[in-house]
Amino acid sequence: MIAMPQQSVSRRRAPALSSEERRATIIKAALPLLTEHGTSVTTSQIAAAAGVAEGTVFRVFSDKQELVASCVGEAMCPKKGLDELRAVPRDMALPQRLSWVAHTMTARISELGALMHVLASTGYRIDRAHQDPKLDRERWLREAVAAVVDVIGCDVAALRLSPERTARMLLGVVFTSQFAMRLRHDHTARPQRDDVDELIDVFLHGVLTDQSAIPAKEHHRCPTS
């Protein structure tokens, strides 16, 4: 038998991740598990989901408490939500663009609400949750309003109100409706597409079927029983 010459195959290892990249990978894997199990999730489950050894988790996080706090901080980080608002396609009609905004926001509220509810139910102290010093709510609101104004774009002339006031009202309506829904239903419930679309339809067109059916305010008197 003639021996075949062996070919030397050079195998290159994938470049090692930095500590920050490794942290981000573990947090991304941990968030769904935290939403499902709360603080009952184990670091071995998280490590398996992240595709790393359990010891790697403790090389980038001092303990499980820091890992959970980092996950909460990531979930509450406003940048992702703002990036999603800015990514709304501009080639759709205004109602579809605003519906996209509402769906993006309700999904974020639902995800965060489900996470915080499960964490609280498994003993996590929400009042001691990780607070990101970069989380400036007033700044976030200004940037969110600016993002929605940009989504409105060239349809400004069709608005009864200024673009800024329209954006603030839309944000307020979406937040209020979602928090009201969470008071009535299961905290893990996901927003229904039809409900969000209906909300945008009412926001744009009101609740009246015929505006002329309601007399002017100064002349209208409701019947007494």
N, C-alpha and C. Protein backbone atom coordinates (compact mmCIF):
# COMPACT_ATOMS: atom_id res chain seq x y z
N MET A 1 0.85 -1.18 0.00
CA MET A 1 0.00 0.00 0.00
C MET A 1 0.89 1.24 0.00
N ILE A 2 0.59 2.12 -0.91
CA ILE A 2 1.37 3.34 -1.02
C ILE A 2 0.81 4.39 -0.08
N ALA A 3 1.64 4.88 0.78
CA ALA A 3 1.18 5.89 1.73
C ALA A 3 0.98 7.20 1.02
N MET A 4 -0.17 7.78 1.26
CA MET A 4 -0.48 9.07 0.65
C MET A 4 0.16 10.17 1.47
N PRO A 5 0.75 11.14 0.80
CA PRO A 5 1.36 12.24 1.55
C PRO A 5 0.31 13.03 2.30
N GLN A 6 0.61 13.31 3.53
CA GLN A 6 -0.32 14.07 4.36
C GLN A 6 -0.20 15.55 4.05
N GLN A 7 -1.32 16.17 3.86
CA GLN A 7 -1.33 17.60 3.60
C GLN A 7 -1.44 18.34 4.92
N SER A 8 -0.60 19.27 5.07
CA SER A 8 -0.66 20.06 6.31
C SER A 8 -1.77 21.08 6.18
N VAL A 9 -2.70 20.97 7.06
CA VAL A 9 -3.84 21.89 7.06
C VAL A 9 -3.69 22.86 8.22
N SER A 10 -3.60 24.11 7.88
CA SER A 10 -3.47 25.12 8.94
C SER A 10 -4.84 25.56 9.39
N ARG A 11 -5.09 25.40 10.65
CA ARG A 11 -6.38 25.79 11.22
C ARG A 11 -6.21 27.07 12.02
N ARG A 12 -7.00 28.01 11.65
CA ARG A 12 -6.93 29.29 12.34
C ARG A 12 -8.02 29.37 13.40
N ARG A 13 -7.63 29.75 14.54
CA ARG A 13 -8.62 29.94 15.60
C ARG A 13 -9.37 31.25 15.40
N ALA A 14 -10.63 31.22 15.78
CA ALA A 14 -11.39 32.46 15.72
C ALA A 14 -10.79 33.44 16.72
N PRO A 15 -10.73 34.69 16.36
CA PRO A 15 -10.15 35.67 17.29
C PRO A 15 -10.90 35.69 18.61
N ALA A 16 -10.14 35.76 19.68
CA ALA A 16 -10.76 35.78 21.01
C ALA A 16 -11.57 37.05 21.20
N LEU A 17 -12.71 36.90 21.88
CA LEU A 17 -13.55 38.05 22.15
C LEU A 17 -12.96 38.86 23.30
N SER A 18 -13.17 40.15 23.24
CA SER A 18 -12.76 41.00 24.35
C SER A 18 -13.72 40.78 25.52
N SER A 19 -13.36 41.29 26.68
CA SER A 19 -14.22 41.14 27.86
C SER A 19 -15.59 41.78 27.62
N GLU A 20 -15.60 42.95 26.97
CA GLU A 20 -16.87 43.63 26.71
C GLU A 20 -17.72 42.84 25.73
N GLU A 21 -17.09 42.27 24.70
CA GLU A 21 -17.84 41.46 23.74
C GLU A 21 -18.38 40.20 24.41
N ARG A 22 -17.58 39.61 25.29
CA ARG A 22 -18.03 38.41 26.00
C ARG A 22 -19.19 38.75 26.93
N ARG A 23 -19.11 39.88 27.61
CA ARG A 23 -20.21 40.32 28.48
C ARG A 23 -21.49 40.49 27.66
N ALA A 24 -21.36 41.13 26.51
CA ALA A 24 -22.54 41.38 25.67
C ALA A 24 -23.17 40.07 25.20
N THR A 25 -22.32 39.09 24.85
CA THR A 25 -22.82 37.78 24.41
C THR A 25 -23.57 37.08 25.53
N ILE A 26 -23.03 37.13 26.72
CA ILE A 26 -23.66 36.46 27.87
C ILE A 26 -24.96 37.15 28.25
N ILE A 27 -24.96 38.48 28.25
CA ILE A 27 -26.19 39.22 28.57
C ILE A 27 -27.29 38.91 27.56
N LYS A 28 -26.93 38.87 26.29
CA LYS A 28 -27.92 38.57 25.25
C LYS A 28 -28.53 37.19 25.46
N ALA A 29 -27.71 36.23 25.85
CA ALA A 29 -28.21 34.88 26.10
C ALA A 29 -29.01 34.79 27.39
N ALA A 30 -28.65 35.62 28.36
CA ALA A 30 -29.28 35.55 29.68
C ALA A 30 -30.66 36.19 29.71
N LEU A 31 -30.88 37.22 28.94
CA LEU A 31 -32.14 37.96 29.03
C LEU A 31 -33.39 37.09 28.81
N PRO A 32 -33.45 36.27 27.75
CA PRO A 32 -34.64 35.41 27.61
C PRO A 32 -34.82 34.44 28.77
N LEU A 33 -33.71 33.94 29.31
CA LEU A 33 -33.79 33.01 30.44
C LEU A 33 -34.28 33.72 31.69
N LEU A 34 -33.84 34.96 31.90
CA LEU A 34 -34.32 35.73 33.05
C LEU A 34 -35.80 36.02 32.92
N THR A 35 -36.25 36.31 31.71
CA THR A 35 -37.68 36.57 31.49
C THR A 35 -38.51 35.33 31.75
N GLU A 36 -37.93 34.15 31.51
CA GLU A 36 -38.65 32.89 31.71
C GLU A 36 -38.57 32.41 33.16
N HIS A 37 -37.39 32.49 33.76
CA HIS A 37 -37.17 31.88 35.08
C HIS A 37 -36.95 32.89 36.20
N GLY A 38 -36.72 34.14 35.87
CA GLY A 38 -36.38 35.11 36.91
C GLY A 38 -35.03 34.78 37.52
N THR A 39 -34.87 35.13 38.77
CA THR A 39 -33.59 34.88 39.44
C THR A 39 -33.34 33.41 39.73
N SER A 40 -34.33 32.55 39.43
CA SER A 40 -34.13 31.11 39.61
C SER A 40 -33.21 30.52 38.55
N VAL A 41 -32.97 31.24 37.48
CA VAL A 41 -32.09 30.74 36.43
C VAL A 41 -30.69 30.54 37.01
N THR A 42 -30.02 29.51 36.55
CA THR A 42 -28.68 29.23 37.05
C THR A 42 -27.62 29.75 36.08
N THR A 43 -26.43 29.98 36.61
CA THR A 43 -25.35 30.44 35.75
C THR A 43 -24.94 29.36 34.76
N SER A 44 -25.16 28.10 35.11
CA SER A 44 -24.84 27.02 34.16
C SER A 44 -25.81 27.06 32.98
N GLN A 45 -27.09 27.37 33.23
CA GLN A 45 -28.06 27.52 32.13
C GLN A 45 -27.66 28.68 31.22
N ILE A 46 -27.25 29.77 31.84
CA ILE A 46 -26.86 30.95 31.07
C ILE A 46 -25.61 30.65 30.25
N ALA A 47 -24.65 29.97 30.86
CA ALA A 47 -23.42 29.64 30.15
C ALA A 47 -23.71 28.74 28.95
N ALA A 48 -24.59 27.75 29.14
CA ALA A 48 -24.94 26.85 28.04
C ALA A 48 -25.61 27.63 26.90
N ALA A 49 -26.50 28.55 27.25
CA ALA A 49 -27.19 29.34 26.22
C ALA A 49 -26.22 30.25 25.48
N ALA A 50 -25.20 30.73 26.18
CA ALA A 50 -24.21 31.62 25.57
C ALA A 50 -23.11 30.85 24.84
N GLY A 51 -23.07 29.53 25.04
CA GLY A 51 -22.05 28.71 24.38
C GLY A 51 -20.67 28.88 24.99
N VAL A 52 -20.65 29.13 26.30
CA VAL A 52 -19.36 29.30 26.99
C VAL A 52 -19.33 28.40 28.22
N ALA A 53 -18.16 28.24 28.78
CA ALA A 53 -18.04 27.50 30.04
C ALA A 53 -18.55 28.36 31.19
N GLU A 54 -19.06 27.71 32.22
CA GLU A 54 -19.60 28.48 33.35
C GLU A 54 -18.53 29.36 33.99
N GLY A 55 -17.30 28.89 33.98
CA GLY A 55 -16.23 29.69 34.55
C GLY A 55 -16.02 31.00 33.80
N THR A 56 -16.34 30.98 32.50
CA THR A 56 -16.19 32.21 31.71
C THR A 56 -17.14 33.30 32.20
N VAL A 57 -18.33 32.87 32.65
CA VAL A 57 -19.30 33.84 33.17
C VAL A 57 -18.69 34.60 34.34
N PHE A 58 -18.01 33.87 35.21
CA PHE A 58 -17.45 34.51 36.41
C PHE A 58 -16.11 35.20 36.15
N ARG A 59 -15.60 35.07 34.93
CA ARG A 59 -14.41 35.84 34.58
C ARG A 59 -14.79 37.25 34.11
N VAL A 60 -16.03 37.42 33.66
CA VAL A 60 -16.44 38.76 33.20
C VAL A 60 -17.49 39.40 34.12
N PHE A 61 -18.08 38.59 35.00
CA PHE A 61 -18.99 39.11 36.02
C PHE A 61 -18.51 38.63 37.38
N SER A 62 -18.52 39.51 38.35
CA SER A 62 -18.02 39.13 39.67
C SER A 62 -18.91 38.08 40.33
N ASP A 63 -20.21 38.16 40.10
CA ASP A 63 -21.15 37.19 40.66
C ASP A 63 -22.46 37.25 39.87
N LYS A 64 -23.40 36.40 40.25
CA LYS A 64 -24.69 36.33 39.56
C LYS A 64 -25.46 37.63 39.72
N GLN A 65 -25.33 38.27 40.87
CA GLN A 65 -26.04 39.53 41.12
C GLN A 65 -25.62 40.60 40.12
N GLU A 66 -24.33 40.67 39.84
CA GLU A 66 -23.85 41.66 38.86
C GLU A 66 -24.38 41.32 37.47
N LEU A 67 -24.43 40.04 37.15
CA LEU A 67 -24.94 39.61 35.85
C LEU A 67 -26.41 40.02 35.68
N VAL A 68 -27.22 39.75 36.71
CA VAL A 68 -28.64 40.11 36.64
C VAL A 68 -28.80 41.63 36.51
N ALA A 69 -28.04 42.38 37.30
CA ALA A 69 -28.12 43.84 37.24
C ALA A 69 -27.72 44.35 35.86
N SER A 70 -26.71 43.74 35.26
CA SER A 70 -26.27 44.15 33.93
C SER A 70 -27.35 43.84 32.89
N CYS A 71 -28.05 42.73 33.06
CA CYS A 71 -29.14 42.38 32.15
C CYS A 71 -30.28 43.39 32.27
N VAL A 72 -30.62 43.77 33.50
CA VAL A 72 -31.67 44.76 33.71
C VAL A 72 -31.25 46.09 33.08
N GLY A 73 -29.99 46.47 33.27
CA GLY A 73 -29.50 47.70 32.68
C GLY A 73 -29.58 47.68 31.16
N GLU A 74 -29.25 46.53 30.57
CA GLU A 74 -29.34 46.40 29.11
C GLU A 74 -30.78 46.48 28.64
N ALA A 75 -31.69 45.83 29.37
CA ALA A 75 -33.10 45.86 28.98
C ALA A 75 -33.68 47.27 29.06
N MET A 76 -33.19 48.06 30.02
CA MET A 76 -33.71 49.41 30.22
C MET A 76 -32.99 50.45 29.36
N CYS A 77 -31.92 50.06 28.70
CA CYS A 77 -31.14 51.00 27.90
C CYS A 77 -32.00 51.57 26.77
N PRO A 78 -32.11 52.88 26.65
CA PRO A 78 -33.00 53.48 25.65
C PRO A 78 -32.46 53.43 24.23
N LYS A 79 -31.16 53.17 24.05
CA LYS A 79 -30.56 53.28 22.72
C LYS A 79 -31.22 52.34 21.72
N LYS A 80 -31.48 51.09 22.13
CA LYS A 80 -32.06 50.13 21.20
C LYS A 80 -33.42 50.61 20.70
N GLY A 81 -34.26 51.07 21.63
CA GLY A 81 -35.58 51.55 21.24
C GLY A 81 -35.50 52.74 20.31
N LEU A 82 -34.58 53.66 20.58
CA LEU A 82 -34.42 54.83 19.72
C LEU A 82 -33.93 54.42 18.34
N ASP A 83 -33.00 53.48 18.29
CA ASP A 83 -32.50 53.00 16.99
C ASP A 83 -33.62 52.37 16.18
N GLU A 84 -34.52 51.65 16.86
CA GLU A 84 -35.64 51.02 16.16
C GLU A 84 -36.61 52.06 15.63
N LEU A 85 -36.84 53.13 16.39
CA LEU A 85 -37.71 54.20 15.91
C LEU A 85 -37.10 54.88 14.69
N ARG A 86 -35.81 55.10 14.72
CA ARG A 86 -35.15 55.77 13.60
C ARG A 86 -35.10 54.89 12.36
N ALA A 87 -35.30 53.57 12.54
CA ALA A 87 -35.22 52.64 11.42
C ALA A 87 -36.55 52.42 10.73
N VAL A 88 -37.60 53.13 11.14
CA VAL A 88 -38.91 52.96 10.51
C VAL A 88 -38.81 53.32 9.03
N PRO A 89 -39.25 52.43 8.13
CA PRO A 89 -39.17 52.72 6.69
C PRO A 89 -39.95 53.97 6.33
N ARG A 90 -39.35 54.84 5.54
CA ARG A 90 -39.99 56.11 5.19
C ARG A 90 -40.83 56.02 3.93
N ASP A 91 -40.84 54.86 3.28
CA ASP A 91 -41.59 54.74 2.03
C ASP A 91 -43.03 54.26 2.25
N MET A 92 -43.46 54.14 3.50
CA MET A 92 -44.84 53.74 3.80
C MET A 92 -45.69 54.98 4.03
N ALA A 93 -47.00 54.80 3.94
CA ALA A 93 -47.93 55.90 4.24
C ALA A 93 -47.85 56.23 5.73
N LEU A 94 -48.27 57.46 6.09
CA LEU A 94 -48.16 57.92 7.47
C LEU A 94 -48.82 56.97 8.47
N PRO A 95 -50.05 56.50 8.24
CA PRO A 95 -50.66 55.58 9.22
C PRO A 95 -49.81 54.34 9.46
N GLN A 96 -49.22 53.80 8.39
CA GLN A 96 -48.38 52.60 8.55
C GLN A 96 -47.08 52.93 9.30
N ARG A 97 -46.53 54.11 9.05
CA ARG A 97 -45.31 54.50 9.76
C ARG A 97 -45.58 54.67 11.25
N LEU A 98 -46.69 55.33 11.58
CA LEU A 98 -47.02 55.52 12.99
C LEU A 98 -47.39 54.19 13.66
N SER A 99 -48.00 53.30 12.89
CA SER A 99 -48.31 51.97 13.43
C SER A 99 -47.01 51.23 13.73
N TRP A 100 -46.02 51.39 12.86
CA TRP A 100 -44.71 50.76 13.08
C TRP A 100 -44.10 51.29 14.38
N VAL A 101 -44.20 52.61 14.58
CA VAL A 101 -43.70 53.22 15.81
C VAL A 101 -44.39 52.61 17.02
N ALA A 102 -45.71 52.52 16.97
CA ALA A 102 -46.48 52.00 18.10
C ALA A 102 -46.14 50.54 18.38
N HIS A 103 -46.02 49.74 17.33
CA HIS A 103 -45.66 48.33 17.52
C HIS A 103 -44.27 48.19 18.13
N THR A 104 -43.34 49.02 17.68
CA THR A 104 -41.98 48.99 18.24
C THR A 104 -42.00 49.31 19.72
N MET A 105 -42.74 50.36 20.09
CA MET A 105 -42.79 50.78 21.48
C MET A 105 -43.50 49.76 22.36
N THR A 106 -44.63 49.24 21.88
CA THR A 106 -45.38 48.28 22.70
C THR A 106 -44.59 47.00 22.92
N ALA A 107 -43.84 46.59 21.90
CA ALA A 107 -43.02 45.39 22.06
C ALA A 107 -41.95 45.61 23.12
N ARG A 108 -41.33 46.80 23.12
CA ARG A 108 -40.31 47.10 24.12
C ARG A 108 -40.91 47.15 25.52
N ILE A 109 -42.08 47.80 25.65
CA ILE A 109 -42.74 47.89 26.95
C ILE A 109 -43.11 46.50 27.45
N SER A 110 -43.62 45.67 26.54
CA SER A 110 -44.04 44.32 26.92
C SER A 110 -42.85 43.48 27.38
N GLU A 111 -41.75 43.56 26.63
CA GLU A 111 -40.56 42.78 26.99
C GLU A 111 -40.02 43.20 28.35
N LEU A 112 -39.92 44.51 28.56
CA LEU A 112 -39.38 45.00 29.82
C LEU A 112 -40.33 44.68 30.97
N GLY A 113 -41.63 44.85 30.74
CA GLY A 113 -42.61 44.56 31.79
C GLY A 113 -42.60 43.10 32.20
N ALA A 114 -42.51 42.21 31.21
CA ALA A 114 -42.47 40.77 31.52
C ALA A 114 -41.22 40.42 32.32
N LEU A 115 -40.09 41.00 31.91
CA LEU A 115 -38.83 40.73 32.61
C LEU A 115 -38.92 41.20 34.06
N MET A 116 -39.34 42.44 34.27
CA MET A 116 -39.37 42.98 35.62
C MET A 116 -40.39 42.26 36.50
N HIS A 117 -41.51 41.84 35.93
CA HIS A 117 -42.52 41.12 36.70
C HIS A 117 -41.98 39.78 37.19
N VAL A 118 -41.33 39.03 36.29
CA VAL A 118 -40.81 37.72 36.67
C VAL A 118 -39.67 37.88 37.68
N LEU A 119 -38.82 38.88 37.47
CA LEU A 119 -37.73 39.10 38.43
C LEU A 119 -38.29 39.43 39.82
N ALA A 120 -39.30 40.29 39.86
CA ALA A 120 -39.89 40.66 41.15
C ALA A 120 -40.53 39.45 41.83
N SER A 121 -41.19 38.61 41.04
CA SER A 121 -41.88 37.45 41.60
C SER A 121 -40.90 36.40 42.11
N THR A 122 -39.64 36.48 41.69
CA THR A 122 -38.63 35.52 42.18
C THR A 122 -37.64 36.17 43.13
N GLY A 123 -38.04 37.32 43.69
CA GLY A 123 -37.27 37.90 44.78
C GLY A 123 -36.33 39.03 44.43
N TYR A 124 -36.29 39.43 43.17
CA TYR A 124 -35.39 40.52 42.80
C TYR A 124 -35.98 41.84 43.26
N ARG A 125 -35.19 42.65 43.92
CA ARG A 125 -35.65 43.92 44.43
C ARG A 125 -35.61 44.97 43.33
N ILE A 126 -36.78 45.26 42.78
CA ILE A 126 -36.85 46.21 41.67
C ILE A 126 -36.34 47.58 42.08
N ASP A 127 -36.61 47.97 43.32
CA ASP A 127 -36.18 49.30 43.78
C ASP A 127 -34.67 49.40 43.90
N ARG A 128 -33.99 48.26 43.82
CA ARG A 128 -32.53 48.27 43.85
C ARG A 128 -31.95 47.87 42.50
N ALA A 129 -32.77 47.95 41.48
CA ALA A 129 -32.33 47.56 40.15
C ALA A 129 -31.18 48.44 39.69
N HIS A 130 -30.39 47.87 38.85
CA HIS A 130 -29.26 48.61 38.28
C HIS A 130 -29.75 49.91 37.65
N GLN A 131 -29.16 51.00 38.04
CA GLN A 131 -29.52 52.30 37.49
C GLN A 131 -28.36 52.82 36.66
N ASP A 132 -28.59 52.94 35.38
CA ASP A 132 -27.55 53.43 34.49
C ASP A 132 -27.47 54.94 34.62
N PRO A 133 -26.31 55.48 35.02
CA PRO A 133 -26.20 56.93 35.16
C PRO A 133 -26.39 57.66 33.84
N LYS A 134 -26.25 56.93 32.72
CA LYS A 134 -26.45 57.56 31.42
C LYS A 134 -27.92 57.65 31.03
N LEU A 135 -28.80 57.03 31.84
CA LEU A 135 -30.21 57.02 31.52
C LEU A 135 -30.86 58.33 31.98
N ASP A 136 -30.90 59.28 31.09
CA ASP A 136 -31.51 60.58 31.35
C ASP A 136 -32.89 60.57 30.69
N ARG A 137 -33.95 60.45 31.49
CA ARG A 137 -35.29 60.29 30.94
C ARG A 137 -35.73 61.49 30.12
N GLU A 138 -35.37 62.69 30.57
CA GLU A 138 -35.74 63.88 29.80
C GLU A 138 -35.05 63.88 28.44
N ARG A 139 -33.80 63.50 28.45
CA ARG A 139 -33.08 63.43 27.18
C ARG A 139 -33.68 62.36 26.28
N TRP A 140 -34.02 61.20 26.89
CA TRP A 140 -34.64 60.13 26.10
C TRP A 140 -35.94 60.62 25.47
N LEU A 141 -36.76 61.35 26.24
CA LEU A 141 -38.03 61.83 25.71
C LEU A 141 -37.79 62.79 24.55
N ARG A 142 -36.83 63.68 24.70
CA ARG A 142 -36.53 64.62 23.61
C ARG A 142 -36.09 63.87 22.35
N GLU A 143 -35.24 62.88 22.52
CA GLU A 143 -34.76 62.12 21.37
C GLU A 143 -35.86 61.26 20.76
N ALA A 144 -36.76 60.72 21.61
CA ALA A 144 -37.88 59.93 21.09
C ALA A 144 -38.83 60.82 20.30
N VAL A 145 -39.12 62.01 20.82
CA VAL A 145 -39.98 62.96 20.11
C VAL A 145 -39.34 63.33 18.77
N ALA A 146 -38.05 63.61 18.79
CA ALA A 146 -37.36 63.97 17.55
C ALA A 146 -37.41 62.82 16.54
N ALA A 147 -37.30 61.58 17.03
CA ALA A 147 -37.35 60.42 16.14
C ALA A 147 -38.72 60.28 15.50
N VAL A 148 -39.79 60.51 16.29
CA VAL A 148 -41.15 60.41 15.75
C VAL A 148 -41.43 61.56 14.78
N VAL A 149 -40.94 62.75 15.10
CA VAL A 149 -41.09 63.89 14.18
C VAL A 149 -40.44 63.55 12.85
N ASP A 150 -39.27 62.92 12.90
CA ASP A 150 -38.59 62.53 11.66
C ASP A 150 -39.40 61.48 10.91
N VAL A 151 -40.07 60.58 11.64
CA VAL A 151 -40.91 59.57 11.00
C VAL A 151 -42.09 60.24 10.28
N ILE A 152 -42.65 61.28 10.90
CA ILE A 152 -43.77 62.01 10.27
C ILE A 152 -43.32 62.63 8.96
N GLY A 153 -42.11 63.18 8.96
CA GLY A 153 -41.48 63.65 7.74
C GLY A 153 -42.29 64.65 6.94
N CYS A 154 -42.50 64.32 5.68
CA CYS A 154 -43.12 65.27 4.74
C CYS A 154 -44.63 65.38 4.92
N ASP A 155 -45.22 64.65 5.87
CA ASP A 155 -46.68 64.72 6.08
C ASP A 155 -47.06 65.77 7.11
N VAL A 156 -46.14 66.67 7.43
CA VAL A 156 -46.40 67.70 8.42
C VAL A 156 -47.63 68.53 8.06
N ALA A 157 -47.80 68.83 6.78
CA ALA A 157 -48.91 69.69 6.35
C ALA A 157 -50.27 69.06 6.63
N ALA A 158 -50.33 67.76 6.82
CA ALA A 158 -51.61 67.08 7.06
C ALA A 158 -52.00 67.08 8.53
N LEU A 159 -51.15 67.59 9.41
CA LEU A 159 -51.41 67.55 10.84
C LEU A 159 -52.19 68.76 11.32
N ARG A 160 -53.06 68.55 12.29
CA ARG A 160 -53.76 69.66 12.93
C ARG A 160 -52.87 70.34 13.96
N LEU A 161 -51.93 69.57 14.52
CA LEU A 161 -51.04 70.08 15.56
C LEU A 161 -49.62 70.12 15.02
N SER A 162 -48.73 70.75 15.77
CA SER A 162 -47.33 70.77 15.38
C SER A 162 -46.77 69.35 15.41
N PRO A 163 -45.75 69.08 14.62
CA PRO A 163 -45.16 67.73 14.64
C PRO A 163 -44.67 67.32 16.03
N GLU A 164 -44.09 68.28 16.78
CA GLU A 164 -43.58 67.96 18.11
C GLU A 164 -44.71 67.58 19.06
N ARG A 165 -45.81 68.35 19.00
CA ARG A 165 -46.93 68.03 19.89
C ARG A 165 -47.59 66.73 19.48
N THR A 166 -47.68 66.49 18.19
CA THR A 166 -48.24 65.22 17.70
C THR A 166 -47.40 64.05 18.20
N ALA A 167 -46.08 64.20 18.12
CA ALA A 167 -45.19 63.13 18.56
C ALA A 167 -45.35 62.87 20.05
N ARG A 168 -45.40 63.94 20.85
CA ARG A 168 -45.56 63.78 22.30
C ARG A 168 -46.89 63.11 22.63
N MET A 169 -47.94 63.49 21.92
CA MET A 169 -49.25 62.88 22.18
C MET A 169 -49.24 61.41 21.81
N LEU A 170 -48.60 61.07 20.69
CA LEU A 170 -48.53 59.67 20.29
C LEU A 170 -47.79 58.85 21.33
N LEU A 171 -46.64 59.34 21.77
CA LEU A 171 -45.89 58.63 22.80
C LEU A 171 -46.71 58.46 24.07
N GLY A 172 -47.41 59.52 24.46
CA GLY A 172 -48.23 59.44 25.67
C GLY A 172 -49.36 58.45 25.54
N VAL A 173 -50.02 58.44 24.38
CA VAL A 173 -51.14 57.52 24.16
C VAL A 173 -50.65 56.07 24.20
N VAL A 174 -49.54 55.80 23.55
CA VAL A 174 -49.03 54.43 23.50
C VAL A 174 -48.61 53.95 24.90
N PHE A 175 -47.86 54.79 25.62
CA PHE A 175 -47.43 54.40 26.96
C PHE A 175 -48.62 54.20 27.88
N THR A 176 -49.56 55.14 27.86
CA THR A 176 -50.72 55.05 28.76
C THR A 176 -51.54 53.81 28.47
N SER A 177 -51.77 53.52 27.19
CA SER A 177 -52.59 52.36 26.83
C SER A 177 -51.92 51.06 27.27
N GLN A 178 -50.58 51.00 27.12
CA GLN A 178 -49.88 49.78 27.49
C GLN A 178 -49.85 49.56 29.00
N PHE A 179 -49.62 50.62 29.76
CA PHE A 179 -49.60 50.47 31.21
C PHE A 179 -51.00 50.16 31.74
N ALA A 180 -52.03 50.74 31.13
CA ALA A 180 -53.40 50.42 31.53
C ALA A 180 -53.71 48.95 31.24
N MET A 181 -53.25 48.46 30.10
CA MET A 181 -53.49 47.07 29.74
C MET A 181 -52.79 46.13 30.73
N ARG A 182 -51.61 46.50 31.15
CA ARG A 182 -50.87 45.65 32.07
C ARG A 182 -51.49 45.61 33.45
N LEU A 183 -52.26 46.64 33.80
CA LEU A 183 -52.97 46.63 35.08
C LEU A 183 -54.15 45.66 35.04
N ARG A 184 -54.67 45.41 33.84
CA ARG A 184 -55.86 44.57 33.72
C ARG A 184 -55.55 43.12 33.40
N HIS A 185 -54.41 42.88 32.79
CA HIS A 185 -54.14 41.54 32.26
C HIS A 185 -52.84 40.96 32.83
N ASP A 186 -52.54 39.79 32.34
CA ASP A 186 -51.32 39.10 32.72
C ASP A 186 -50.10 39.93 32.30
N HIS A 187 -49.15 40.05 33.22
CA HIS A 187 -47.95 40.84 32.93
C HIS A 187 -47.11 40.24 31.82
N THR A 188 -47.30 38.97 31.54
CA THR A 188 -46.53 38.33 30.49
C THR A 188 -47.25 38.39 29.14
N ALA A 189 -48.44 38.99 29.09
CA ALA A 189 -49.20 39.06 27.84
C ALA A 189 -48.49 39.95 26.84
N ARG A 190 -48.54 39.55 25.59
CA ARG A 190 -47.94 40.32 24.51
C ARG A 190 -49.01 41.21 23.87
N PRO A 191 -48.64 42.41 23.43
CA PRO A 191 -49.62 43.27 22.79
C PRO A 191 -50.12 42.65 21.49
N GLN A 192 -51.41 42.75 21.24
CA GLN A 192 -52.01 42.20 20.04
C GLN A 192 -51.90 43.21 18.90
N ARG A 193 -51.55 42.73 17.70
CA ARG A 193 -51.36 43.62 16.55
C ARG A 193 -52.63 44.41 16.26
N ASP A 194 -53.79 43.75 16.32
CA ASP A 194 -55.04 44.44 16.01
C ASP A 194 -55.30 45.57 17.01
N ASP A 195 -54.99 45.35 18.27
CA ASP A 195 -55.19 46.39 19.28
C ASP A 195 -54.32 47.61 19.01
N VAL A 196 -53.07 47.38 18.63
CA VAL A 196 -52.16 48.49 18.36
C VAL A 196 -52.60 49.24 17.11
N ASP A 197 -53.01 48.51 16.07
CA ASP A 197 -53.47 49.17 14.85
C ASP A 197 -54.73 49.99 15.11
N GLU A 198 -55.62 49.45 15.96
CA GLU A 198 -56.83 50.19 16.30
C GLU A 198 -56.48 51.47 17.06
N LEU A 199 -55.50 51.38 17.93
CA LEU A 199 -55.06 52.55 18.69
C LEU A 199 -54.58 53.65 17.75
N ILE A 200 -53.79 53.30 16.77
CA ILE A 200 -53.29 54.29 15.81
C ILE A 200 -54.41 54.85 14.96
N ASP A 201 -55.36 54.01 14.59
CA ASP A 201 -56.50 54.49 13.80
C ASP A 201 -57.30 55.52 14.57
N VAL A 202 -57.55 55.25 15.86
CA VAL A 202 -58.29 56.20 16.69
C VAL A 202 -57.45 57.46 16.91
N PHE A 203 -56.15 57.29 17.09
CA PHE A 203 -55.27 58.46 17.28
C PHE A 203 -55.35 59.38 16.07
N LEU A 204 -55.38 58.82 14.88
CA LEU A 204 -55.39 59.63 13.66
C LEU A 204 -56.77 60.18 13.32
N HIS A 205 -57.81 59.41 13.59
CA HIS A 205 -59.14 59.79 13.11
C HIS A 205 -60.17 60.03 14.21
N GLY A 206 -59.81 59.79 15.47
CA GLY A 206 -60.76 60.02 16.55
C GLY A 206 -61.73 58.88 16.74
N VAL A 207 -62.63 59.04 17.71
CA VAL A 207 -63.58 57.97 18.03
C VAL A 207 -64.95 58.19 17.37
N LEU A 208 -65.16 59.34 16.77
CA LEU A 208 -66.45 59.63 16.16
C LEU A 208 -66.52 59.10 14.74
N THR A 209 -67.66 58.55 14.39
CA THR A 209 -67.86 58.09 13.02
C THR A 209 -68.18 59.26 12.09
N ASP A 210 -68.78 60.32 12.66
CA ASP A 210 -69.15 61.48 11.86
C ASP A 210 -68.98 62.73 12.72
N GLN A 211 -67.99 63.53 12.40
CA GLN A 211 -67.72 64.72 13.21
C GLN A 211 -68.90 65.68 13.23
N SER A 212 -69.66 65.71 12.14
CA SER A 212 -70.79 66.65 12.07
C SER A 212 -71.97 66.21 12.93
N ALA A 213 -71.92 64.98 13.47
CA ALA A 213 -73.04 64.48 14.27
C ALA A 213 -73.08 65.11 15.65
N ILE A 214 -71.99 65.75 16.09
CA ILE A 214 -71.94 66.38 17.39
C ILE A 214 -72.06 67.88 17.22
N PRO A 215 -73.12 68.50 17.78
CA PRO A 215 -73.29 69.95 17.65
C PRO A 215 -72.13 70.70 18.29
N ALA A 216 -72.00 71.97 17.93
CA ALA A 216 -70.97 72.81 18.52
C ALA A 216 -71.12 72.83 20.03
N LYS A 217 -70.02 72.96 20.74
CA LYS A 217 -70.01 72.84 22.20
C LYS A 217 -70.95 73.83 22.87
N GLU A 218 -70.96 75.11 22.40
CA GLU A 218 -71.75 76.11 23.08
C GLU A 218 -73.25 75.94 22.92
N HIS A 219 -73.65 75.12 21.94
CA HIS A 219 -75.08 74.91 21.69
C HIS A 219 -75.55 73.52 22.10
N HIS A 220 -74.61 72.67 22.50
CA HIS A 220 -74.97 71.28 22.77
C HIS A 220 -75.35 71.09 24.24
N ARG A 221 -76.44 70.41 24.46
CA ARG A 221 -76.87 70.04 25.79
C ARG A 221 -77.21 68.54 25.78
N CYS A 222 -76.54 67.80 26.68
CA CYS A 222 -76.84 66.37 26.77
C CYS A 222 -78.20 66.19 27.44
N PRO A 223 -79.02 65.24 26.96
CA PRO A 223 -80.32 65.02 27.58
C PRO A 223 -80.18 64.52 29.00
N THR A 224 -81.07 64.98 29.87
CA THR A 224 -81.05 64.54 31.27
C THR A 224 -82.03 63.39 31.45
N SER A 225 -81.72 62.52 32.38
CA SER A 225 -82.61 61.37 32.62
C SER A 225 -83.78 61.75 33.53
